[in-house]
PDB file of N, CA and C in Angstrom:
ATOM      1  N   MET A   1      -8.771 -27.789  20.618  1.00  0.00           N
ATOM      2  CA  MET A   1      -8.897 -26.937  21.518  1.00  0.00           C
ATOM      3  C   MET A   1     -10.298 -25.363  21.504  1.00  0.00           C
ATOM      4  N   VAL A   2     -10.983 -25.098  22.486  1.00  0.00           N
ATOM      5  CA  VAL A   2     -11.504 -23.617  22.249  1.00  0.00           C
ATOM      6  C   VAL A   2     -11.144 -23.391  23.378  1.00  0.00           C
ATOM      7  N   GLU A   3     -12.144 -22.429  23.649  1.00  0.00           N
ATOM      8  CA  GLU A   3     -11.338 -21.635  24.850  1.00  0.00           C
ATOM      9  C   GLU A   3     -12.636 -21.352  25.888  1.00  0.00           C
ATOM     10  N   VAL A   4     -11.944 -21.507  27.238  1.00  0.00           N
ATOM     11  CA  VAL A   4     -13.263 -21.824  27.896  1.00  0.00           C
ATOM     12  C   VAL A   4     -14.041 -19.742  28.364  1.00  0.00           C
ATOM     13  N   ASP A   5     -14.978 -20.273  28.764  1.00  0.00           N
ATOM     14  CA  ASP A   5     -15.008 -19.078  29.468  1.00  0.00           C
ATOM     15  C   ASP A   5     -15.390 -19.369  30.123  1.00  0.00           C
ATOM     16  N   LEU A   6     -14.241 -17.808  31.310  1.00  0.00           N
ATOM     17  CA  LEU A   6     -14.771 -18.362  32.642  1.00  0.00           C
ATOM     18  C   LEU A   6     -15.127 -17.508  33.198  1.00  0.00           C
ATOM     19  N   GLY A   7     -15.990 -16.591  32.735  1.00  0.00           N
ATOM     20  CA  GLY A   7     -16.893 -15.698  32.908  1.00  0.00           C
ATOM     21  C   GLY A   7     -16.664 -14.261  33.120  1.00  0.00           C
ATOM     22  N   ALA A   8     -15.473 -14.035  33.130  1.00  0.00           N
ATOM     23  CA  ALA A   8     -14.612 -12.674  33.580  1.00  0.00           C
ATOM     24  C   ALA A   8     -14.026 -12.677  32.340  1.00  0.00           C
ATOM     25  N   ASP A   9     -13.549 -10.919  32.093  1.00  0.00           N
ATOM     26  CA  ASP A   9     -12.762 -10.922  31.196  1.00  0.00           C
ATOM     27  C   ASP A   9     -11.407 -10.699  31.253  1.00  0.00           C
ATOM     28  N   VAL A  10     -10.921 -10.898  30.610  1.00  0.00           N
ATOM     29  CA  VAL A  10      -8.744 -10.051  30.938  1.00  0.00           C
ATOM     30  C   VAL A  10      -8.896  -9.354  32.099  1.00  0.00           C
ATOM     31  N   ASP A  11      -8.057  -9.107  33.445  1.00  0.00           N
ATOM     32  CA  ASP A  11      -7.532  -7.738  34.264  1.00  0.00           C
ATOM     33  C   ASP A  11      -6.360  -8.400  33.993  1.00  0.00           C
ATOM     34  N   LEU A  12      -5.679  -7.402  33.549  1.00  0.00           N
ATOM     35  CA  LEU A  12      -4.317  -7.955  32.953  1.00  0.00           C
ATOM     36  C   LEU A  12      -3.224  -7.053  33.954  1.00  0.00           C
ATOM     37  N   ASP A  13      -4.157  -5.968  34.957  1.00  0.00           N
ATOM     38  CA  ASP A  13      -3.862  -5.410  36.147  1.00  0.00           C
ATOM     39  C   ASP A  13      -2.849  -6.633  37.082  1.00  0.00           C
ATOM     40  N   HIS A  14      -4.499  -7.088  37.693  1.00  0.00           N
ATOM     41  CA  HIS A  14      -3.497  -8.668  38.549  1.00  0.00           C
ATOM     42  C   HIS A  14      -3.916  -9.940  38.251  1.00  0.00           C
ATOM     43  N   TYR A  15      -3.570  -9.872  36.759  1.00  0.00           N
ATOM     44  CA  TYR A  15      -2.839 -11.104  36.165  1.00  0.00           C
ATOM     45  C   TYR A  15      -1.359 -11.007  36.891  1.00  0.00           C
ATOM     46  N   LYS A  16      -1.430  -9.697  36.323  1.00  0.00           N
ATOM     47  CA  LYS A  16       0.393  -9.143  36.564  1.00  0.00           C
ATOM     48  C   LYS A  16       0.739  -9.271  37.578  1.00  0.00           C
ATOM     49  N   ASN A  17       0.282  -8.949  38.691  1.00  0.00           N
ATOM     50  CA  ASN A  17       0.243  -8.409  40.432  1.00  0.00           C
ATOM     51  C   ASN A  17      -0.212  -9.362  41.241  1.00  0.00           C
ATOM     52  N   CYS A  18      -1.126 -10.474  40.911  1.00  0.00           N
ATOM     53  CA  CYS A  18      -1.898 -11.109  41.564  1.00  0.00           C
ATOM     54  C   CYS A  18      -1.459 -12.185  41.160  1.00  0.00           C
ATOM     55  N   ILE A  19      -1.728 -12.942  40.285  1.00  0.00           N
ATOM     56  CA  ILE A  19      -2.274 -14.174  39.165  1.00  0.00           C
ATOM     57  C   ILE A  19      -1.150 -15.513  39.414  1.00  0.00           C
ATOM     58  N   THR A  20       0.361 -14.691  38.988  1.00  0.00           N
ATOM     59  CA  THR A  20       1.269 -14.600  38.190  1.00  0.00           C
ATOM     60  C   THR A  20       1.944 -14.683  39.740  1.00  0.00           C
ATOM     61  N   GLN A  21       1.766 -14.438  41.077  1.00  0.00           N
ATOM     62  CA  GLN A  21       3.045 -14.286  42.376  1.00  0.00           C
ATOM     63  C   GLN A  21       2.080 -15.554  43.169  1.00  0.00           C
ATOM     64  N   ALA A  22       3.423 -16.524  43.235  1.00  0.00           N
ATOM     65  CA  ALA A  22       2.604 -17.220  44.278  1.00  0.00           C
ATOM     66  C   ALA A  22       2.450 -16.411  46.150  1.00  0.00           C
ATOM     67  N   GLU A  23       2.954 -15.685  46.400  1.00  0.00           N
ATOM     68  CA  GLU A  23       1.986 -14.641  46.917  1.00  0.00           C
ATOM     69  C   GLU A  23       1.351 -14.493  47.246  1.00  0.00           C
ATOM     70  N   CYS A  24       0.792 -14.323  46.082  1.00  0.00           N
ATOM     71  CA  CYS A  24      -1.236 -13.612  46.515  1.00  0.00           C
ATOM     72  C   CYS A  24      -2.088 -14.044  46.845  1.00  0.00           C
ATOM     73  N   GLN A  25      -3.245 -13.112  47.503  1.00  0.00           N
ATOM     74  CA  GLN A  25      -3.549 -13.440  48.703  1.00  0.00           C
ATOM     75  C   GLN A  25      -4.964 -13.599  48.022  1.00  0.00           C
ATOM     76  N   ASN A  26      -5.852 -12.988  47.251  1.00  0.00           N
ATOM     77  CA  ASN A  26      -6.563 -12.434  46.626  1.00  0.00           C
ATOM     78  C   ASN A  26      -6.948 -12.453  45.451  1.00  0.00           C
ATOM     79  N   PRO A  27      -6.068 -13.515  44.549  1.00  0.00           N
ATOM     80  CA  PRO A  27      -6.494 -14.668  43.600  1.00  0.00           C
ATOM     81  C   PRO A  27      -8.167 -14.036  43.035  1.00  0.00           C
ATOM     82  N   LYS A  28      -8.353 -13.881  41.787  1.00  0.00           N
ATOM     83  CA  LYS A  28      -9.800 -13.758  40.991  1.00  0.00           C
ATOM     84  C   LYS A  28      -9.807 -14.432  40.063  1.00  0.00           C
ATOM     85  N   VAL A  29     -11.307 -14.595  39.439  1.00  0.00           N
ATOM     86  CA  VAL A  29     -11.574 -14.517  38.340  1.00  0.00           C
ATOM     87  C   VAL A  29     -10.539 -13.845  36.843  1.00  0.00           C
ATOM     88  N   THR A  30      -9.908 -13.850  36.508  1.00  0.00           N
ATOM     89  CA  THR A  30      -9.603 -13.774  34.985  1.00  0.00           C
ATOM     90  C   THR A  30      -8.771 -14.549  34.383  1.00  0.00           C
ATOM     91  N   ALA A  31      -9.479 -13.915  32.696  1.00  0.00           N
ATOM     92  CA  ALA A  31      -9.452 -14.689  31.596  1.00  0.00           C
ATOM     93  C   ALA A  31      -7.695 -13.957  31.337  1.00  0.00           C
ATOM     94  N   PHE A  32      -7.514 -15.498  30.652  1.00  0.00           N
ATOM     95  CA  PHE A  32      -5.417 -15.487  30.317  1.00  0.00           C
ATOM     96  C   PHE A  32      -5.565 -13.841  28.993  1.00  0.00           C
ATOM     97  N   PRO A  33      -4.669 -14.040  29.084  1.00  0.00           N
ATOM     98  CA  PRO A  33      -4.088 -12.377  28.086  1.00  0.00           C
ATOM     99  C   PRO A  33      -3.826 -13.305  27.247  1.00  0.00           C
ATOM    100  N   VAL A  34      -4.091 -12.812  25.823  1.00  0.00           N
ATOM    101  CA  VAL A  34      -3.217 -13.156  24.934  1.00  0.00           C
ATOM    102  C   VAL A  34      -1.530 -13.489  24.765  1.00  0.00           C
ATOM    103  N   SER A  35      -1.157 -14.382  24.664  1.00  0.00           N
ATOM    104  CA  SER A  35       0.322 -14.469  24.773  1.00  0.00           C
ATOM    105  C   SER A  35       0.789 -14.502  23.265  1.00  0.00           C
ATOM    106  N   PRO A  36       1.369 -13.950  23.203  1.00  0.00           N
ATOM    107  CA  PRO A  36       2.163 -13.340  21.607  1.00  0.00           C
ATOM    108  C   PRO A  36       3.168 -14.615  21.283  1.00  0.00           C
ATOM    109  N   VAL A  37       3.569 -15.364  20.172  1.00  0.00           N
ATOM    110  CA  VAL A  37       4.512 -15.876  20.028  1.00  0.00           C
ATOM    111  C   VAL A  37       5.085 -15.456  19.066  1.00  0.00           C
ATOM    112  N   HIS A  38       7.086 -15.341  19.370  1.00  0.00           N
ATOM    113  CA  HIS A  38       7.812 -14.761  18.632  1.00  0.00           C
ATOM    114  C   HIS A  38       8.846 -16.031  17.570  1.00  0.00           C
ATOM    115  N   SER A  39       9.441 -15.535  16.434  1.00  0.00           N
ATOM    116  CA  SER A  39      10.242 -16.123  15.843  1.00  0.00           C
ATOM    117  C   SER A  39      11.397 -15.340  15.772  1.00  0.00           C
ATOM    118  N   LEU A  40      12.526 -16.671  17.013  1.00  0.00           N
ATOM    119  CA  LEU A  40      13.648 -15.688  17.012  1.00  0.00           C
ATOM    120  C   LEU A  40      14.549 -15.732  16.172  1.00  0.00           C
ATOM    121  N   THR A  41      15.588 -15.250  15.548  1.00  0.00           N
ATOM    122  CA  THR A  41      16.814 -15.673  14.828  1.00  0.00           C
ATOM    123  C   THR A  41      18.317 -15.139  15.330  1.00  0.00           C
ATOM    124  N   THR A  42      19.052 -15.477  14.648  1.00  0.00           N
ATOM    125  CA  THR A  42      20.892 -14.797  15.356  1.00  0.00           C
ATOM    126  C   THR A  42      21.245 -13.467  13.595  1.00  0.00           C
ATOM    127  N   SER A  43      20.984 -12.621  14.064  1.00  0.00           N
ATOM    128  CA  SER A  43      21.906 -11.688  12.711  1.00  0.00           C
ATOM    129  C   SER A  43      23.129 -12.380  11.939  1.00  0.00           C
ATOM    130  N   SER A  44      23.596 -14.135  12.929  1.00  0.00           N
ATOM    131  CA  SER A  44      24.643 -14.469  11.195  1.00  0.00           C
ATOM    132  C   SER A  44      23.609 -15.762  10.654  1.00  0.00           C
ATOM    133  N   PHE A  45      22.522 -15.581  10.843  1.00  0.00           N
ATOM    134  CA  PHE A  45      21.422 -16.814  10.146  1.00  0.00           C
ATOM    135  C   PHE A  45      20.664 -15.690   9.404  1.00  0.00           C
ATOM    136  N   ALA A  46      20.042 -14.000  10.170  1.00  0.00           N
ATOM    137  CA  ALA A  46      19.813 -13.557   8.512  1.00  0.00           C
ATOM    138  C   ALA A  46      20.968 -13.257   7.483  1.00  0.00           C
ATOM    139  N   GLU A  47      22.383 -13.170   7.557  1.00  0.00           N
ATOM    140  CA  GLU A  47      23.431 -12.721   7.168  1.00  0.00           C
ATOM    141  C   GLU A  47      23.312 -14.272   5.477  1.00  0.00           C
ATOM    142  N   ASP A  48      23.866 -15.340   6.420  1.00  0.00           N
ATOM    143  CA  ASP A  48      23.765 -16.400   5.893  1.00  0.00           C
ATOM    144  C   ASP A  48      22.684 -17.024   5.154  1.00  0.00           C
ATOM    145  N   ALA A  49      20.984 -16.549   5.569  1.00  0.00           N
ATOM    146  CA  ALA A  49      19.975 -17.176   4.982  1.00  0.00           C
ATOM    147  C   ALA A  49      18.741 -16.298   4.627  1.00  0.00           C
ATOM    148  N   PRO A  50      19.123 -15.004   3.644  1.00  0.00           N
ATOM    149  CA  PRO A  50      17.862 -13.336   3.667  1.00  0.00           C
ATOM    150  C   PRO A  50      16.799 -14.131   3.164  1.00  0.00           C
ATOM    151  N   ALA A  51      16.405 -15.612   2.021  1.00  0.00           N
ATOM    152  CA  ALA A  51      15.471 -15.710   1.963  1.00  0.00           C
ATOM    153  C   ALA A  51      14.964 -16.168   3.513  1.00  0.00           C
ATOM    154  N   ALA A  52      15.011 -16.715   3.758  1.00  0.00           N
ATOM    155  CA  ALA A  52      15.005 -17.935   4.337  1.00  0.00           C
ATOM    156  C   ALA A  52      14.669 -17.038   6.172  1.00  0.00           C
ATOM    157  N   PHE A  53      15.601 -15.745   6.555  1.00  0.00           N
ATOM    158  CA  PHE A  53      14.731 -14.577   6.733  1.00  0.00           C
ATOM    159  C   PHE A  53      13.546 -13.562   7.358  1.00  0.00           C
ATOM    160  N   ASN A  54      13.717 -13.784   5.035  1.00  0.00           N
ATOM    161  CA  ASN A  54      12.279 -13.096   4.991  1.00  0.00           C
ATOM    162  C   ASN A  54      11.493 -13.560   5.232  1.00  0.00           C
ATOM    163  N   TYR A  55      11.498 -14.968   4.836  1.00  0.00           N
ATOM    164  CA  TYR A  55       9.784 -15.395   5.199  1.00  0.00           C
ATOM    165  C   TYR A  55       9.609 -15.566   6.433  1.00  0.00           C
ATOM    166  N   ILE A  56      10.913 -16.287   7.647  1.00  0.00           N
ATOM    167  CA  ILE A  56      10.663 -16.167   8.842  1.00  0.00           C
ATOM    168  C   ILE A  56       9.616 -14.412   9.616  1.00  0.00           C
ATOM    169  N   SER A  57      10.479 -13.975   8.824  1.00  0.00           N
ATOM    170  CA  SER A  57       9.580 -12.378   9.694  1.00  0.00           C
ATOM    171  C   SER A  57       7.797 -11.657   8.916  1.00  0.00           C
ATOM    172  N   GLY A  58       7.702 -12.978   7.925  1.00  0.00           N
ATOM    173  CA  GLY A  58       6.461 -12.150   7.479  1.00  0.00           C
ATOM    174  C   GLY A  58       6.288 -13.247   7.517  1.00  0.00           C
ATOM    175  N   ARG A  59       6.067 -13.996   7.910  1.00  0.00           N
ATOM    176  CA  ARG A  59       4.908 -15.504   8.493  1.00  0.00           C
ATOM    177  C   ARG A  59       4.155 -14.744   9.912  1.00  0.00           C
ATOM    178  N   GLU A  60       3.170 -14.748  10.185  1.00  0.00           N
ATOM    179  CA  GLU A  60       1.839 -14.230  10.764  1.00  0.00           C
ATOM    180  C   GLU A  60       0.708 -15.304   9.953  1.00  0.00           C
ATOM    181  N   TYR A  61       0.857 -15.982  11.908  1.00  0.00           N
ATOM    182  CA  TYR A  61      -1.522 -16.078  11.940  1.00  0.00           C
ATOM    183  C   TYR A  61      -1.642 -16.148  13.130  1.00  0.00           C
ATOM    184  N   ASP A  62      -2.855 -16.353  12.443  1.00  0.00           N
ATOM    185  CA  ASP A  62      -3.471 -15.421  14.654  1.00  0.00           C
ATOM    186  C   ASP A  62      -3.837 -17.018  15.537  1.00  0.00           C
ATOM    187  N   ASN A  63      -4.467 -16.883  16.883  1.00  0.00           N
ATOM    188  CA  ASN A  63      -4.610 -17.869  17.412  1.00  0.00           C
ATOM    189  C   ASN A  63      -5.124 -18.947  17.439  1.00  0.00           C
ATOM    190  N   GLN A  64      -6.374 -18.901  16.631  1.00  0.00           N
ATOM    191  CA  GLN A  64      -7.664 -19.639  15.767  1.00  0.00           C
ATOM    192  C   GLN A  64      -6.974 -20.208  15.199  1.00  0.00           C
ATOM    193  N   VAL A  65      -5.916 -19.985  14.452  1.00  0.00           N
ATOM    194  CA  VAL A  65      -5.447 -20.904  13.161  1.00  0.00           C
ATOM    195  C   VAL A  65      -5.041 -22.155  13.875  1.00  0.00           C
ATOM    196  N   MET A  66      -3.459 -21.793  15.085  1.00  0.00           N
ATOM    197  CA  MET A  66      -3.285 -22.309  15.890  1.00  0.00           C
ATOM    198  C   MET A  66      -3.829 -23.400  16.440  1.00  0.00           C
ATOM    199  N   SER A  67      -4.518 -23.055  17.158  1.00  0.00           N
ATOM    200  CA  SER A  67      -5.659 -24.117  17.741  1.00  0.00           C
ATOM    201  C   SER A  67      -6.427 -24.927  17.725  1.00  0.00           C
ATOM    202  N   ASP A  68      -7.135 -24.679  16.277  1.00  0.00           N
ATOM    203  CA  ASP A  68      -7.291 -25.245  15.364  1.00  0.00           C
ATOM    204  C   ASP A  68      -6.589 -26.617  14.615  1.00  0.00           C
ATOM    205  N   MET A  69      -5.367 -25.809  14.461  1.00  0.00           N
ATOM    206  CA  MET A  69      -4.625 -27.523  13.823  1.00  0.00           C
ATOM    207  C   MET A  69      -3.473 -28.391  15.497  1.00  0.00           C
ATOM    208  N   LEU A  70      -3.444 -26.904  16.098  1.00  0.00           N
ATOM    209  CA  LEU A  70      -3.092 -27.867  17.325  1.00  0.00           C
ATOM    210  C   LEU A  70      -4.483 -28.886  17.510  1.00  0.00           C
ATOM    211  N   ALA A  71      -5.361 -28.584  17.818  1.00  0.00           N
ATOM    212  CA  ALA A  71      -6.334 -29.385  17.673  1.00  0.00           C
ATOM    213  C   ALA A  71      -7.266 -30.217  17.010  1.00  0.00           C
ATOM    214  N   TRP A  72      -6.493 -30.420  15.541  1.00  0.00           N
ATOM    215  CA  TRP A  72      -6.771 -31.329  14.315  1.00  0.00           C
ATOM    216  C   TRP A  72      -5.793 -32.175  14.219  1.00  0.00           C
ATOM    217  N   MET A  73      -4.158 -31.333  15.056  1.00  0.00           N
ATOM    218  CA  MET A  73      -2.734 -33.041  15.436  1.00  0.00           C
ATOM    219  C   MET A  73      -3.902 -33.649  16.533  1.00  0.00           C
ATOM    220  N   ASP A  74      -4.438 -33.025  17.551  1.00  0.00           N
ATOM    221  CA  ASP A  74      -4.490 -33.641  18.733  1.00  0.00           C
ATOM    222  C   ASP A  74      -5.683 -34.777  18.612  1.00  0.00           C
ATOM    223  N   THR A  75      -6.245 -35.221  17.720  1.00  0.00           N
ATOM    224  CA  THR A  75      -7.534 -35.323  17.198  1.00  0.00           C
ATOM    225  C   THR A  75      -7.055 -36.328  15.898  1.00  0.00           C
ATOM    226  N   TYR A  76      -5.998 -36.709  15.273  1.00  0.00           N
ATOM    227  CA  TYR A  76      -5.731 -37.546  14.079  1.00  0.00           C
ATOM    228  C   TYR A  76      -4.051 -37.891  14.719  1.00  0.00           C
ATOM    229  N   GLN A  77      -3.649 -37.544  15.673  1.00  0.00           N
ATOM    230  CA  GLN A  77      -2.578 -37.622  16.374  1.00  0.00           C
ATOM    231  C   GLN A  77      -1.533 -37.722  15.735  1.00  0.00           C
ATOM    232  N   ALA A  78      -1.613 -36.326  14.910  1.00  0.00           N
ATOM    233  CA  ALA A  78      -0.597 -36.084  13.855  1.00  0.00           C
ATOM    234  C   ALA A  78       0.761 -35.721  14.639  1.00  0.00           C
ATOM    235  N   ASP A  79       1.596 -36.048  13.669  1.00  0.00           N
ATOM    236  CA  ASP A  79       3.185 -35.230  13.684  1.00  0.00           C
ATOM    237  C   ASP A  79       3.794 -34.461  12.807  1.00  0.00           C
ATOM    238  N   GLY A  80       4.730 -33.256  13.846  1.00  0.00           N
ATOM    239  CA  GLY A  80       4.266 -31.942  12.961  1.00  0.00           C
ATOM    240  C   GLY A  80       4.978 -31.955  11.142  1.00  0.00           C
ATOM    241  N   GLU A  81       5.692 -33.741  10.941  1.00  0.00           N
ATOM    242  CA  GLU A  81       5.597 -33.087   9.113  1.00  0.00           C
ATOM    243  C   GLU A  81       3.603 -33.293   8.759  1.00  0.00           C
ATOM    244  N   ILE A  82       2.749 -34.393   9.830  1.00  0.00           N
ATOM    245  CA  ILE A  82       1.910 -34.626   8.860  1.00  0.00           C
ATOM    246  C   ILE A  82       0.970 -33.716   9.041  1.00  0.00           C
ATOM    247  N   ALA A  83       1.399 -32.682   9.604  1.00  0.00           N
ATOM    248  CA  ALA A  83       0.108 -31.134  10.028  1.00  0.00           C
ATOM    249  C   ALA A  83       0.539 -30.273   9.477  1.00  0.00           C
ATOM    250  N   ALA A  84       2.523 -29.916   8.674  1.00  0.00           N
ATOM    251  CA  ALA A  84       2.479 -28.546   7.775  1.00  0.00           C
ATOM    252  C   ALA A  84       1.864 -29.353   6.293  1.00  0.00           C
ATOM    253  N   ASP A  85       1.683 -30.635   6.443  1.00  0.00           N
ATOM    254  CA  ASP A  85       0.919 -30.868   5.015  1.00  0.00           C
ATOM    255  C   ASP A  85      -0.415 -30.448   4.929  1.00  0.00           C
ATOM    256  N   GLU A  86      -0.719 -31.197   6.194  1.00  0.00           N
ATOM    257  CA  GLU A  86      -2.861 -30.303   6.317  1.00  0.00           C
ATOM    258  C   GLU A  86      -2.133 -28.837   6.798  1.00  0.00           C
ATOM    259  N   PHE A  87      -1.895 -28.373   6.953  1.00  0.00           N
ATOM    260  CA  PHE A  87      -1.402 -26.794   7.651  1.00  0.00           C
ATOM    261  C   PHE A  87      -1.738 -26.014   5.799  1.00  0.00           C
ATOM    262  N   LEU A  88      -0.724 -26.323   5.206  1.00  0.00           N
ATOM    263  CA  LEU A  88      -0.319 -25.940   3.164  1.00  0.00           C
ATOM    264  C   LEU A  88      -1.634 -26.541   2.684  1.00  0.00           C
ATOM    265  N   ARG A  89      -2.722 -27.336   2.929  1.00  0.00           N
ATOM    266  CA  ARG A  89      -3.454 -28.096   2.138  1.00  0.00           C
ATOM    267  C   ARG A  89      -5.110 -26.588   2.568  1.00  0.00           C
ATOM    268  N   ARG A  90      -5.431 -26.260   4.080  1.00  0.00           N
ATOM    269  CA  ARG A  90      -5.446 -26.164   4.978  1.00  0.00           C
ATOM    270  C   ARG A  90      -5.984 -24.403   4.871  1.00  0.00           C
ATOM    271  N   TYR A  91      -4.637 -23.526   4.604  1.00  0.00           N
ATOM    272  CA  TYR A  91      -4.986 -22.878   4.869  1.00  0.00           C
ATOM    273  C   TYR A  91      -3.503 -22.170   3.973  1.00  0.00           C
ATOM    274  N   GLY A  92      -3.999 -22.194   2.121  1.00  0.00           N
ATOM    275  CA  GLY A  92      -3.530 -21.220   0.615  1.00  0.00           C
ATOM    276  C   GLY A  92      -3.941 -19.730   1.140  1.00  0.00           C
ATOM    277  N   ASP A  93      -4.963 -20.020   0.743  1.00  0.00           N
ATOM    278  CA  ASP A  93      -4.651 -18.109   1.028  1.00  0.00           C
ATOM    279  C   ASP A  93      -3.901 -17.687   2.652  1.00  0.00           C
ATOM    280  N   LEU A  94      -3.289 -18.375   3.159  1.00  0.00           N
ATOM    281  CA  LEU A  94      -2.638 -17.413   4.662  1.00  0.00           C
ATOM    282  C   LEU A  94      -1.540 -17.410   4.098  1.00  0.00           C
ATOM    283  N   TRP A  95      -0.725 -19.088   3.698  1.00  0.00           N
ATOM    284  CA  TRP A  95       0.757 -19.213   3.687  1.00  0.00           C
ATOM    285  C   TRP A  95       0.737 -17.963   1.878  1.00  0.00           C
ATOM    286  N   HIS A  96       0.071 -18.414   1.353  1.00  0.00           N
ATOM    287  CA  HIS A  96       0.600 -17.666  -0.003  1.00  0.00           C
ATOM    288  C   HIS A  96       1.378 -16.588  -0.037  1.00  0.00           C
ATOM    289  N   GLN A  97       0.659 -15.861   1.401  1.00  0.00           N
ATOM    290  CA  GLN A  97       1.421 -14.125   1.604  1.00  0.00           C
ATOM    291  C   GLN A  97       2.109 -13.763   1.492  1.00  0.00           C
ATOM    292  N   TRP A  98       3.280 -15.673   2.387  1.00  0.00           N
ATOM    293  CA  TRP A  98       4.800 -15.733   3.068  1.00  0.00           C
ATOM    294  C   TRP A  98       5.600 -15.254   1.913  1.00  0.00           C
ATOM    295  N   VAL A  99       5.623 -16.649   0.687  1.00  0.00           N
ATOM    296  CA  VAL A  99       5.524 -17.302  -0.548  1.00  0.00           C
ATOM    297  C   VAL A  99       5.680 -16.075  -1.719  1.00  0.00           C
ATOM    298  N   ASN A 100       6.927 -15.860  -3.093  1.00  0.00           N
ATOM    299  CA  ASN A 100       6.415 -15.593  -4.237  1.00  0.00           C
ATOM    300  C   ASN A 100       6.075 -16.493  -5.317  1.00  0.00           C
ATOM    301  N   GLU A 101       5.581 -15.725  -5.670  1.00  0.00           N
ATOM    302  CA  GLU A 101       4.045 -17.152  -6.674  1.00  0.00           C
ATOM    303  C   GLU A 101       5.017 -18.367  -7.347  1.00  0.00           C
ATOM    304  N   GLU A 102       6.344 -17.886  -7.904  1.00  0.00           N
ATOM    305  CA  GLU A 102       6.615 -19.596  -7.412  1.00  0.00           C
ATOM    306  C   GLU A 102       6.742 -20.208  -6.628  1.00  0.00           C
ATOM    307  N   THR A 103       7.134 -20.100  -5.653  1.00  0.00           N
ATOM    308  CA  THR A 103       7.361 -21.057  -4.619  1.00  0.00           C
ATOM    309  C   THR A 103       6.034 -21.478  -4.012  1.00  0.00           C
ATOM    310  N   ALA A 104       5.069 -20.163  -4.195  1.00  0.00           N
ATOM    311  CA  ALA A 104       3.636 -20.927  -4.052  1.00  0.00           C
ATOM    312  C   ALA A 104       2.826 -21.642  -5.105  1.00  0.00           C
ATOM    313  N   GLN A 105       3.023 -21.661  -6.430  1.00  0.00           N
ATOM    314  CA  GLN A 105       2.793 -22.718  -7.777  1.00  0.00           C
ATOM    315  C   GLN A 105       3.756 -24.202  -6.649  1.00  0.00           C
ATOM    316  N   ARG A 106       5.037 -24.301  -6.769  1.00  0.00           N
ATOM    317  CA  ARG A 106       5.805 -24.946  -6.677  1.00  0.00           C
ATOM    318  C   ARG A 106       5.375 -26.157  -5.165  1.00  0.00           C
ATOM    319  N   ILE A 107       4.912 -24.999  -4.616  1.00  0.00           N
ATOM    320  CA  ILE A 107       3.963 -26.525  -2.951  1.00  0.00           C
ATOM    321  C   ILE A 107       3.109 -26.614  -3.101  1.00  0.00           C
ATOM    322  N   GLU A 108       2.432 -25.854  -4.364  1.00  0.00           N
ATOM    323  CA  GLU A 108       0.828 -25.751  -4.603  1.00  0.00           C
ATOM    324  C   GLU A 108       0.860 -27.607  -5.358  1.00  0.00           C
ATOM    325  N   LYS A 109       1.963 -27.433  -6.764  1.00  0.00           N
ATOM    326  CA  LYS A 109       2.555 -28.846  -7.299  1.00  0.00           C
ATOM    327  C   LYS A 109       2.561 -30.159  -5.666  1.00  0.00           C
ATOM    328  N   ALA A 110       3.447 -29.867  -5.175  1.00  0.00           N
ATOM    329  CA  ALA A 110       4.082 -31.030  -4.367  1.00  0.00           C
ATOM    330  C   ALA A 110       2.893 -31.504  -3.358  1.00  0.00           C
ATOM    331  N   LEU A 111       1.821 -30.265  -3.311  1.00  0.00           N
ATOM    332  CA  LEU A 111       0.997 -30.800  -2.433  1.00  0.00           C
ATOM    333  C   LEU A 111      -0.500 -31.584  -3.589  1.00  0.00           C
ATOM    334  N   GLN A 112       0.051 -32.414  -4.643  1.00  0.00           N
ATOM    335  CA  GLN A 112      -1.352 -32.812  -5.520  1.00  0.00           C
ATOM    336  C   GLN A 112      -0.549 -34.386  -5.370  1.00  0.00           C
TER     337      GLN A 112
END
């Protein structure tokens, strides 16, 4: 996937008050604002699985990584399991920050 140049910067006010409104009478070209992605859990999950909760709380990657992976999945018609393997192989510097050294070593060994 690639970003399409719409020939305009983001006009957040216009986007919120016109583009997203069905009754917008005078829409103008504006780029889309960045859409954040959030991971949601429950308090019981945090209590029952603190290690998993800490992992989810600490992982983060930018839109470029997501776009690259989605494009790769489309090109290779890959499902989530295959894409996860590719992500681990391609972005080791990124995901190593999310886990402790022992876990990183176990993952690296499993990838061999």
